[in-house]
Amino acid sequence: MEQDTTGGDITQSDQTPSPIASAIDTPSDAHAPARARKPRRRGRWIAITIIVILLVILGAGGGAGYFAYRQYPAINAAGLRFCDDLVNQKYSDAYSLLSSRLRQRYSQAAFVSMNQTLDTTEGKATLCGQATSGAFQVGVFPLSVTVATEVTRATLGKREGNVTLLYENGHWLVDSLSTSLLGVNIEGLLTAQSLCPDMALQTKTDAALTQKYANVWALYGAAARANTTEADFIEIGRLHDQLDGKVEECSITSIGKHNTDTLTQVTYTAKHTYSVETQATATLRLQNGRWMFTALDANVYGRDMAPALVATKWFTALATGDCSAAYGELSAEMQKRLTLAQFTSRICDATSAWGFYQLDPGVYYPEGTSKYVANLAVGGYYDAVIGFMSHPELIPFYGDITLVAEGGTWKVDALLLV
């Protein structure tokens, strides 16, 4: 999240670090009995010199001075509570300490999920408190305090960044967490996380399937859309559901080390019913105020469905009587053996025989890097010379279709039917 700044801020740096303790310093508990101390907390989350700044800003006399005097323990308590919630993985409690602005932007479920992802990818937070630099900033309109903060995670180690507290309706609430503190921009990570739920929506209605992949397509930037169309992307999604089966696992398993407020990189691990577990990297960038995928390894969806898409287009063209389109999907070798006129008269004209097809999810595999084999049930014709079914009474029939890579795309090369 980008840190908000306001005009008139006063910056201060206190080079003397303060140890973490379990008690919160307030003027009224100066003579209270000593409490048990924990090594991972600080008694002061912010430098006490902030009270001097507040007194200067708000006026040292009268009610303003008293208000300023009372804010130090309130600010300190809010910072300590938020840090404690992070260290103890009480993310619902931490959510209640967010400002209204942040709660409008993130649901509680999204905030909890985001922190749980950080726990699995960077390690759970073990320490949280004011950074040793002691740097802070006081904002006037609206009244806010930005404090340099350190969070140590079990795997990633120590990270430093700013936490901004905003005075809102009589309370100090967290209004900003810097990317450098979390290791990733919040909005960038939440956008990356939205991919898995959209993929995992399993439904039998075509409309819902279309909507699922349309949601994913909407997250793609212009560069990521360059090699396909929305219609093809949605059809490929349908083929993934059909041939790869439901999503059994999908999660972000690592986060890039060089994320910024405009760049987020993550790695997914995904597993579908009929495909092996795969890992896929993704890059998201902030474009025109929105986080978009600018690169995403298609392995996250399962097997390569480009060959299956060509098979789908070929059979669709046959079923609709678009002989030229169907002929165009044949490989160069097949077109040498069969002219368009022969293809039209022998195969394509009797469209009723090409009324359906079904790809078999159990038989869809590559043979090397330039050939795919798919098993299908179709209606069609047979010609002994070229290997096509020509007897409507034998419909349906089963067999393998071979697709080959040719000129940067896939082409129908042969049918081996029974």
Protein backbone atom coordinates (compact mmCIF):
# COMPACT_ATOMS: atom_id res chain seq x y z
CA MET A 1 0.00 0.00 0.00
CA GLU A 2 1.29 3.42 -0.83
CA GLN A 3 1.79 5.54 2.24
CA ASP A 4 -0.43 8.64 2.48
CA THR A 5 1.32 11.89 3.29
CA THR A 6 -0.17 15.22 4.25
CA GLY A 7 1.05 18.75 4.07
CA GLY A 8 2.50 20.19 7.25
CA ASP A 9 3.97 16.93 8.52
CA ILE A 10 6.72 17.19 11.10
CA THR A 11 9.42 14.52 10.98
CA GLN A 12 11.51 13.40 13.92
CA SER A 13 14.13 10.72 14.47
CA ASP A 14 14.89 9.28 17.91
CA GLN A 15 18.07 7.20 17.69
CA THR A 16 17.56 5.61 21.13
CA PRO A 17 15.65 2.34 20.74
CA SER A 18 13.20 1.29 23.43
CA PRO A 19 12.88 -2.33 24.62
CA ILE A 20 9.65 -4.23 24.10
CA ALA A 21 7.63 -4.87 27.26
CA SER A 22 4.15 -6.12 28.07
CA ALA A 23 2.91 -2.98 29.80
CA ILE A 24 1.72 0.18 28.06
CA ASP A 25 3.20 3.41 29.42
CA THR A 26 0.60 5.87 30.62
CA PRO A 27 0.92 8.80 33.06
CA SER A 28 -1.47 7.08 35.48
CA ASP A 29 0.37 3.76 35.84
CA ALA A 30 3.83 5.09 36.62
CA HIS A 31 3.66 3.60 40.14
CA ALA A 32 1.80 0.41 39.22
CA PRO A 33 3.36 -2.92 40.26
CA ALA A 34 5.87 -4.34 37.78
CA ARG A 35 4.33 -6.77 35.29
CA ALA A 36 5.83 -9.85 33.70
CA ARG A 37 7.86 -8.88 30.67
CA LYS A 38 8.07 -10.69 27.35
CA PRO A 39 11.20 -10.30 25.24
CA ARG A 40 9.27 -9.75 22.02
CA ARG A 41 7.37 -6.57 22.94
CA ARG A 42 8.25 -3.00 23.70
CA GLY A 43 6.83 -0.89 26.46
CA ARG A 44 6.89 2.05 24.08
CA TRP A 45 5.92 1.60 20.47
CA ILE A 46 6.74 5.23 19.68
CA ALA A 47 9.28 7.74 20.98
CA ILE A 48 7.96 9.87 23.81
CA THR A 49 9.22 13.01 22.05
CA ILE A 50 6.09 12.77 19.93
CA ILE A 51 4.15 14.31 22.78
CA VAL A 52 6.29 17.43 22.46
CA ILE A 53 5.50 17.58 18.74
CA LEU A 54 1.77 17.22 19.42
CA LEU A 55 1.88 19.93 22.07
CA VAL A 56 3.58 22.28 19.64
CA ILE A 57 1.15 21.49 16.80
CA LEU A 58 -2.07 21.63 18.80
CA GLY A 59 -1.12 24.35 21.24
CA ALA A 60 0.42 23.91 24.67
CA GLY A 61 -2.33 25.56 26.68
CA GLY A 62 -5.89 24.73 27.65
CA GLY A 63 -7.88 21.85 26.21
CA ALA A 64 -5.63 21.43 23.20
CA GLY A 65 -2.62 20.88 25.41
CA TYR A 66 -4.46 18.35 27.54
CA PHE A 67 -5.71 16.56 24.40
CA ALA A 68 -2.17 16.36 23.04
CA TYR A 69 -0.86 15.13 26.39
CA ARG A 70 -3.40 12.30 26.42
CA GLN A 71 -2.63 11.12 22.88
CA TYR A 72 0.76 9.58 23.60
CA PRO A 73 -0.55 6.60 25.60
CA ALA A 74 -3.46 6.16 23.15
CA ILE A 75 -1.15 6.09 20.13
CA ASN A 76 1.26 3.78 21.92
CA ALA A 77 -1.53 1.41 22.95
CA ALA A 78 -2.93 1.22 19.40
CA GLY A 79 0.49 0.43 17.93
CA LEU A 80 1.24 -2.23 20.53
CA ARG A 81 -2.15 -3.88 20.10
CA PHE A 82 -1.74 -4.10 16.36
CA CYS A 83 1.77 -5.52 16.68
CA ASP A 84 0.59 -8.06 19.26
CA ASP A 85 -2.21 -9.19 16.95
CA LEU A 86 0.27 -9.75 14.10
CA VAL A 87 2.68 -11.71 16.30
CA ASN A 88 -0.12 -13.84 17.75
CA GLN A 89 -1.86 -14.33 14.37
CA LYS A 90 -5.06 -12.66 15.65
CA TYR A 91 -5.87 -11.21 12.27
CA SER A 92 -9.58 -10.64 12.89
CA ASP A 93 -8.62 -8.57 15.93
CA ALA A 94 -6.02 -6.69 13.87
CA TYR A 95 -8.72 -5.97 11.28
CA SER A 96 -10.81 -4.21 13.93
CA LEU A 97 -7.90 -1.75 14.38
CA LEU A 98 -7.96 -0.65 10.73
CA SER A 99 -9.31 2.74 9.71
CA SER A 100 -12.69 3.00 8.01
CA ARG A 101 -10.88 3.72 4.73
CA LEU A 102 -9.02 0.42 4.86
CA ARG A 103 -12.07 -1.53 6.00
CA GLN A 104 -13.94 -0.21 3.00
CA ARG A 105 -11.14 -1.38 0.70
CA TYR A 106 -10.56 -4.81 2.26
CA SER A 107 -13.04 -7.24 3.71
CA GLN A 108 -12.11 -8.98 6.93
CA ALA A 109 -11.86 -12.32 5.10
CA ALA A 110 -9.46 -10.81 2.53
CA PHE A 111 -7.31 -9.21 5.24
CA VAL A 112 -7.11 -12.46 7.21
CA SER A 113 -6.31 -14.45 4.06
CA MET A 114 -3.59 -11.97 3.06
CA ASN A 115 -1.85 -12.31 6.42
CA GLN A 116 -2.13 -16.10 6.37
CA THR A 117 -0.47 -16.09 2.94
CA LEU A 118 2.37 -13.99 4.38
CA ASP A 119 2.71 -16.55 7.19
CA THR A 120 3.10 -19.45 4.76
CA THR A 121 5.38 -17.65 2.29
CA GLU A 122 7.52 -15.46 4.58
CA GLY A 123 7.09 -17.11 7.96
CA LYS A 124 5.00 -16.04 10.94
CA ALA A 125 5.79 -12.72 12.61
CA THR A 126 7.89 -13.22 15.74
CA LEU A 127 8.76 -9.60 16.58
CA CYS A 128 7.01 -6.31 15.90
CA GLY A 129 7.76 -2.82 17.16
CA GLN A 130 9.24 0.57 16.44
CA ALA A 131 12.34 0.45 14.25
CA THR A 132 15.69 1.22 15.88
CA SER A 133 15.86 4.42 13.88
CA GLY A 134 12.96 5.72 15.92
CA ALA A 135 11.83 7.84 12.95
CA PHE A 136 8.29 9.15 12.95
CA GLN A 137 6.14 11.76 11.26
CA VAL A 138 3.18 13.73 12.59
CA GLY A 139 0.45 14.85 10.20
CA VAL A 140 -1.96 17.67 11.02
CA PHE A 141 -4.85 17.52 8.53
CA PRO A 142 -5.98 14.85 9.22
CA LEU A 143 -4.20 14.15 12.49
CA SER A 144 -1.92 11.16 11.97
CA VAL A 145 1.32 9.61 13.14
CA THR A 146 3.60 7.58 10.85
CA VAL A 147 6.13 5.41 12.67
CA ALA A 148 9.10 3.47 11.25
CA THR A 149 8.34 -0.12 12.28
CA GLU A 150 10.17 -3.45 12.21
CA VAL A 151 8.58 -6.87 11.73
CA THR A 152 10.70 -10.01 11.98
CA ARG A 153 9.36 -13.14 10.27
CA ALA A 154 10.47 -16.70 10.90
CA THR A 155 11.61 -17.31 7.31
CA LEU A 156 12.20 -13.94 5.73
CA GLY A 157 13.84 -12.23 8.69
CA LYS A 158 13.55 -8.54 9.59
CA ARG A 159 11.79 -6.01 7.40
CA GLU A 160 11.34 -2.32 8.07
CA GLY A 161 8.66 0.04 6.84
CA ASN A 162 6.11 2.60 7.95
CA VAL A 163 2.84 2.18 9.81
CA THR A 164 0.49 5.18 9.80
CA LEU A 165 -2.06 5.67 12.58
CA LEU A 166 -4.99 7.99 11.91
CA TYR A 167 -7.06 9.73 14.61
CA GLU A 168 -10.64 8.82 13.70
CA ASN A 169 -13.78 9.20 15.83
CA GLY A 170 -11.82 9.36 19.05
CA HIS A 171 -9.55 6.39 18.26
CA TRP A 172 -6.12 5.84 16.72
CA LEU A 173 -6.47 3.33 13.87
CA VAL A 174 -4.05 1.82 11.36
CA ASP A 175 -4.44 3.65 8.04
CA SER A 176 -1.36 2.50 6.11
CA LEU A 177 1.11 -0.40 6.02
CA SER A 178 4.03 0.12 3.69
CA THR A 179 5.07 -2.42 1.08
CA SER A 180 8.60 -2.54 2.47
CA LEU A 181 7.24 -3.69 5.85
CA LEU A 182 5.10 -6.53 4.43
CA GLY A 183 7.33 -7.48 1.52
CA VAL A 184 4.46 -7.02 -0.93
CA ASN A 185 1.82 -4.43 -1.75
CA ILE A 186 -1.49 -5.35 -0.14
CA GLU A 187 -3.62 -4.64 -3.20
CA GLY A 188 -1.14 -6.46 -5.43
CA LEU A 189 -1.23 -9.54 -3.22
CA LEU A 190 -5.02 -9.53 -2.90
CA THR A 191 -5.36 -9.33 -6.68
CA ALA A 192 -2.96 -12.26 -7.05
CA GLN A 193 -4.96 -14.20 -4.46
CA SER A 194 -8.22 -13.69 -6.34
CA LEU A 195 -7.04 -15.99 -9.14
CA CYS A 196 -7.36 -19.22 -7.15
CA PRO A 197 -11.00 -18.77 -6.01
CA ASP A 198 -12.07 -17.91 -9.58
CA MET A 199 -10.35 -21.05 -10.89
CA ALA A 200 -11.80 -23.22 -8.12
CA LEU A 201 -15.44 -22.33 -8.84
CA GLN A 202 -16.77 -25.70 -9.93
CA THR A 203 -20.22 -25.62 -11.51
CA LYS A 204 -22.03 -27.50 -14.22
CA THR A 205 -23.73 -24.53 -15.82
CA ASP A 206 -22.08 -23.05 -18.89
CA ALA A 207 -23.04 -19.52 -17.87
CA ALA A 208 -21.23 -19.79 -14.56
CA LEU A 209 -18.18 -21.31 -16.20
CA THR A 210 -18.08 -18.42 -18.63
CA GLN A 211 -18.38 -15.92 -15.82
CA LYS A 212 -15.53 -17.54 -13.88
CA TYR A 213 -13.01 -17.25 -16.66
CA ALA A 214 -14.32 -13.85 -17.67
CA ASN A 215 -13.38 -12.69 -14.16
CA VAL A 216 -9.86 -14.01 -14.64
CA TRP A 217 -9.59 -12.44 -18.10
CA ALA A 218 -10.53 -9.07 -16.60
CA LEU A 219 -7.35 -9.23 -14.49
CA TYR A 220 -5.09 -9.54 -17.55
CA GLY A 221 -3.21 -6.51 -18.79
CA ALA A 222 -2.86 -5.63 -22.47
CA ALA A 223 0.48 -7.42 -22.87
CA ALA A 224 -0.90 -10.64 -21.37
CA ARG A 225 -3.89 -10.52 -23.75
CA ALA A 226 -1.78 -10.07 -26.88
CA ASN A 227 -1.62 -13.75 -27.87
CA THR A 228 -5.27 -14.71 -27.49
CA THR A 229 -8.81 -13.40 -27.49
CA GLU A 230 -11.32 -13.34 -24.65
CA ALA A 231 -13.49 -15.92 -26.43
CA ASP A 232 -10.55 -18.31 -26.84
CA PHE A 233 -9.48 -17.75 -23.24
CA ILE A 234 -12.94 -18.63 -21.96
CA GLU A 235 -13.10 -21.71 -24.20
CA ILE A 236 -9.67 -22.82 -22.96
CA GLY A 237 -11.00 -22.43 -19.43
CA ARG A 238 -13.92 -24.70 -20.28
CA LEU A 239 -11.49 -27.26 -21.70
CA HIS A 240 -9.44 -27.13 -18.51
CA ASP A 241 -12.57 -27.89 -16.51
CA GLN A 242 -13.40 -30.76 -18.86
CA LEU A 243 -9.96 -32.31 -19.37
CA ASP A 244 -8.05 -31.34 -16.21
CA GLY A 245 -10.99 -31.63 -13.85
CA LYS A 246 -11.69 -29.59 -10.75
CA VAL A 247 -9.08 -27.58 -8.92
CA GLU A 248 -7.95 -29.63 -5.93
CA GLU A 249 -5.19 -27.28 -4.80
CA CYS A 250 -4.34 -23.68 -5.60
CA SER A 251 -2.34 -21.28 -3.48
CA ILE A 252 0.44 -18.72 -3.52
CA THR A 253 3.48 -20.57 -2.25
CA SER A 254 6.16 -17.89 -2.57
CA ILE A 255 6.39 -14.12 -2.93
CA GLY A 256 9.07 -12.28 -4.87
CA LYS A 257 11.85 -10.53 -2.96
CA HIS A 258 11.84 -7.29 -4.92
CA ASN A 259 8.20 -6.23 -4.83
CA THR A 260 7.34 -2.53 -4.89
CA ASP A 261 4.25 -0.33 -4.85
CA THR A 262 3.89 -0.92 -8.60
CA LEU A 263 5.25 -4.49 -9.00
CA THR A 264 4.18 -7.77 -7.40
CA GLN A 265 5.64 -11.18 -8.23
CA VAL A 266 4.32 -14.46 -6.82
CA THR A 267 4.51 -18.20 -7.48
CA TYR A 268 1.45 -20.45 -7.45
CA THR A 269 1.20 -24.17 -6.83
CA ALA A 270 -1.87 -25.81 -8.39
CA LYS A 271 -3.26 -29.32 -8.78
CA HIS A 272 -6.23 -30.51 -10.84
CA THR A 273 -7.95 -33.90 -10.81
CA TYR A 274 -6.45 -35.17 -14.08
CA SER A 275 -3.13 -33.31 -14.14
CA VAL A 276 0.02 -33.32 -12.05
CA GLU A 277 0.88 -30.59 -9.55
CA THR A 278 2.36 -27.59 -11.29
CA GLN A 279 4.10 -24.38 -10.29
CA ALA A 280 3.56 -21.13 -12.13
CA THR A 281 5.04 -17.66 -11.74
CA ALA A 282 3.10 -14.44 -12.18
CA THR A 283 3.92 -10.76 -12.47
CA LEU A 284 1.39 -8.08 -11.64
CA ARG A 285 1.82 -4.34 -12.22
CA LEU A 286 -0.15 -1.32 -11.16
CA GLN A 287 -1.65 0.11 -14.36
CA ASN A 288 -3.99 3.12 -14.36
CA GLY A 289 -4.77 2.57 -10.71
CA ARG A 290 -5.50 -1.17 -11.05
CA TRP A 291 -3.36 -4.23 -10.42
CA MET A 292 -3.22 -6.40 -13.54
CA PHE A 293 -1.43 -9.60 -14.56
CA THR A 294 1.23 -8.66 -17.09
CA ALA A 295 2.68 -12.19 -17.19
CA LEU A 296 1.24 -15.47 -15.94
CA ASP A 297 2.55 -18.97 -16.62
CA ALA A 298 -0.36 -20.97 -18.09
CA ASN A 299 0.78 -24.00 -16.04
CA VAL A 300 -1.35 -22.61 -13.22
CA TYR A 301 -4.44 -23.73 -15.16
CA GLY A 302 -3.18 -27.27 -15.84
CA ARG A 303 -2.16 -28.90 -19.10
CA ASP A 304 -1.64 -27.03 -22.37
CA MET A 305 -5.08 -26.61 -23.91
CA ALA A 306 -3.98 -24.91 -27.14
CA PRO A 307 -4.12 -28.23 -29.09
CA ALA A 308 -7.53 -29.04 -27.61
CA LEU A 309 -8.76 -25.58 -28.60
CA VAL A 310 -7.84 -26.29 -32.23
CA ALA A 311 -9.67 -29.63 -32.09
CA THR A 312 -12.70 -27.80 -30.70
CA LYS A 313 -12.62 -25.20 -33.47
CA TRP A 314 -12.25 -27.90 -36.11
CA PHE A 315 -15.26 -29.86 -34.94
CA THR A 316 -17.33 -26.70 -34.43
CA ALA A 317 -16.61 -25.68 -38.04
CA LEU A 318 -17.65 -29.15 -39.27
CA ALA A 319 -20.84 -29.09 -37.21
CA THR A 320 -21.84 -25.69 -38.58
CA GLY A 321 -20.90 -26.51 -42.18
CA ASP A 322 -18.08 -23.95 -42.37
CA CYS A 323 -15.95 -26.12 -44.63
CA SER A 324 -13.33 -23.48 -45.39
CA ALA A 325 -12.70 -22.87 -41.68
CA ALA A 326 -12.52 -26.60 -40.97
CA TYR A 327 -10.13 -27.13 -43.89
CA GLY A 328 -7.97 -24.28 -42.60
CA GLU A 329 -7.40 -26.16 -39.32
CA LEU A 330 -5.81 -29.12 -41.17
CA SER A 331 -2.05 -29.51 -41.25
CA ALA A 332 -0.08 -28.79 -44.41
CA GLU A 333 0.47 -32.52 -44.87
CA MET A 334 -3.26 -33.23 -44.70
CA GLN A 335 -3.99 -30.43 -47.18
CA LYS A 336 -1.49 -31.98 -49.61
CA ARG A 337 -3.48 -35.22 -49.49
CA LEU A 338 -6.89 -33.59 -49.69
CA THR A 339 -8.04 -30.53 -51.62
CA LEU A 340 -10.70 -28.18 -50.25
CA ALA A 341 -13.18 -29.49 -52.85
CA GLN A 342 -12.49 -33.10 -51.83
CA PHE A 343 -12.71 -32.20 -48.16
CA THR A 344 -16.02 -30.42 -48.74
CA SER A 345 -17.65 -33.12 -50.83
CA ARG A 346 -16.41 -36.14 -48.92
CA ILE A 347 -16.47 -34.89 -45.36
CA CYS A 348 -17.90 -31.50 -44.61
CA ASP A 349 -21.17 -31.28 -46.56
CA ALA A 350 -23.20 -33.73 -44.50
CA THR A 351 -23.18 -31.61 -41.36
CA SER A 352 -25.70 -33.74 -39.47
CA ALA A 353 -23.03 -36.40 -39.04
CA TRP A 354 -20.80 -33.89 -37.22
CA GLY A 355 -23.33 -32.88 -34.65
CA PHE A 356 -21.33 -33.66 -31.53
CA TYR A 357 -17.95 -34.59 -30.10
CA GLN A 358 -16.53 -35.24 -26.66
CA LEU A 359 -12.86 -35.15 -25.66
CA ASP A 360 -11.78 -37.83 -23.21
CA PRO A 361 -10.02 -36.35 -20.13
CA GLY A 362 -8.18 -39.63 -19.62
CA VAL A 363 -6.48 -39.53 -23.03
CA TYR A 364 -4.96 -36.13 -23.67
CA TYR A 365 -1.19 -36.06 -23.70
CA PRO A 366 1.86 -34.76 -25.59
CA GLU A 367 4.11 -36.88 -27.75
CA GLY A 368 7.30 -34.86 -27.67
CA THR A 369 7.19 -31.09 -28.01
CA SER A 370 5.29 -30.81 -31.30
CA LYS A 371 2.49 -33.37 -31.15
CA TYR A 372 -0.56 -33.95 -28.99
CA VAL A 373 -2.92 -36.92 -28.95
CA ALA A 374 -6.53 -36.62 -27.84
CA ASN A 375 -9.21 -39.31 -27.61
CA LEU A 376 -12.74 -38.41 -28.64
CA ALA A 377 -16.23 -39.59 -29.45
CA VAL A 378 -17.59 -37.93 -32.58
CA GLY A 379 -20.05 -38.26 -35.39
CA GLY A 380 -18.49 -38.29 -38.88
CA TYR A 381 -17.58 -40.07 -42.10
CA TYR A 382 -14.94 -42.55 -43.08
CA ASP A 383 -12.86 -42.61 -46.23
CA ALA A 384 -10.46 -45.52 -46.49
CA VAL A 385 -7.90 -43.42 -48.33
CA ILE A 386 -7.64 -40.58 -45.87
CA GLY A 387 -8.94 -42.25 -42.74
CA PHE A 388 -12.29 -40.57 -42.11
CA MET A 389 -15.61 -42.14 -41.09
CA SER A 390 -18.26 -42.12 -43.87
CA HIS A 391 -21.06 -44.28 -42.48
CA PRO A 392 -23.65 -42.42 -40.43
CA GLU A 393 -24.98 -45.71 -39.05
CA LEU A 394 -21.68 -46.15 -37.17
CA ILE A 395 -22.11 -42.95 -35.21
CA PRO A 396 -20.92 -42.49 -32.52
CA PHE A 397 -17.41 -43.75 -32.96
CA TYR A 398 -14.24 -43.36 -30.95
CA GLY A 399 -10.64 -42.76 -31.77
CA ASP A 400 -7.59 -40.58 -31.46
CA ILE A 401 -6.99 -37.25 -33.10
CA THR A 402 -3.41 -36.10 -33.60
CA LEU A 403 -2.53 -32.42 -33.52
CA VAL A 404 0.85 -31.08 -34.58
CA ALA A 405 2.65 -27.80 -33.99
CA GLU A 406 3.04 -25.94 -37.24
CA GLY A 407 4.05 -22.33 -37.85
CA GLY A 408 3.52 -21.27 -34.26
CA THR A 409 0.07 -22.83 -33.94
CA TRP A 410 -1.57 -26.27 -33.74
CA LYS A 411 -3.14 -28.12 -36.66
CA VAL A 412 -5.26 -31.26 -37.07
CA ASP A 413 -2.99 -33.87 -38.63
CA ALA A 414 -4.70 -37.24 -38.50
CA LEU A 415 -7.66 -39.20 -37.19
CA LEU A 416 -7.29 -42.82 -36.12
CA LEU A 417 -10.89 -43.91 -35.65
CA VAL A 418 -12.67 -47.15 -34.77
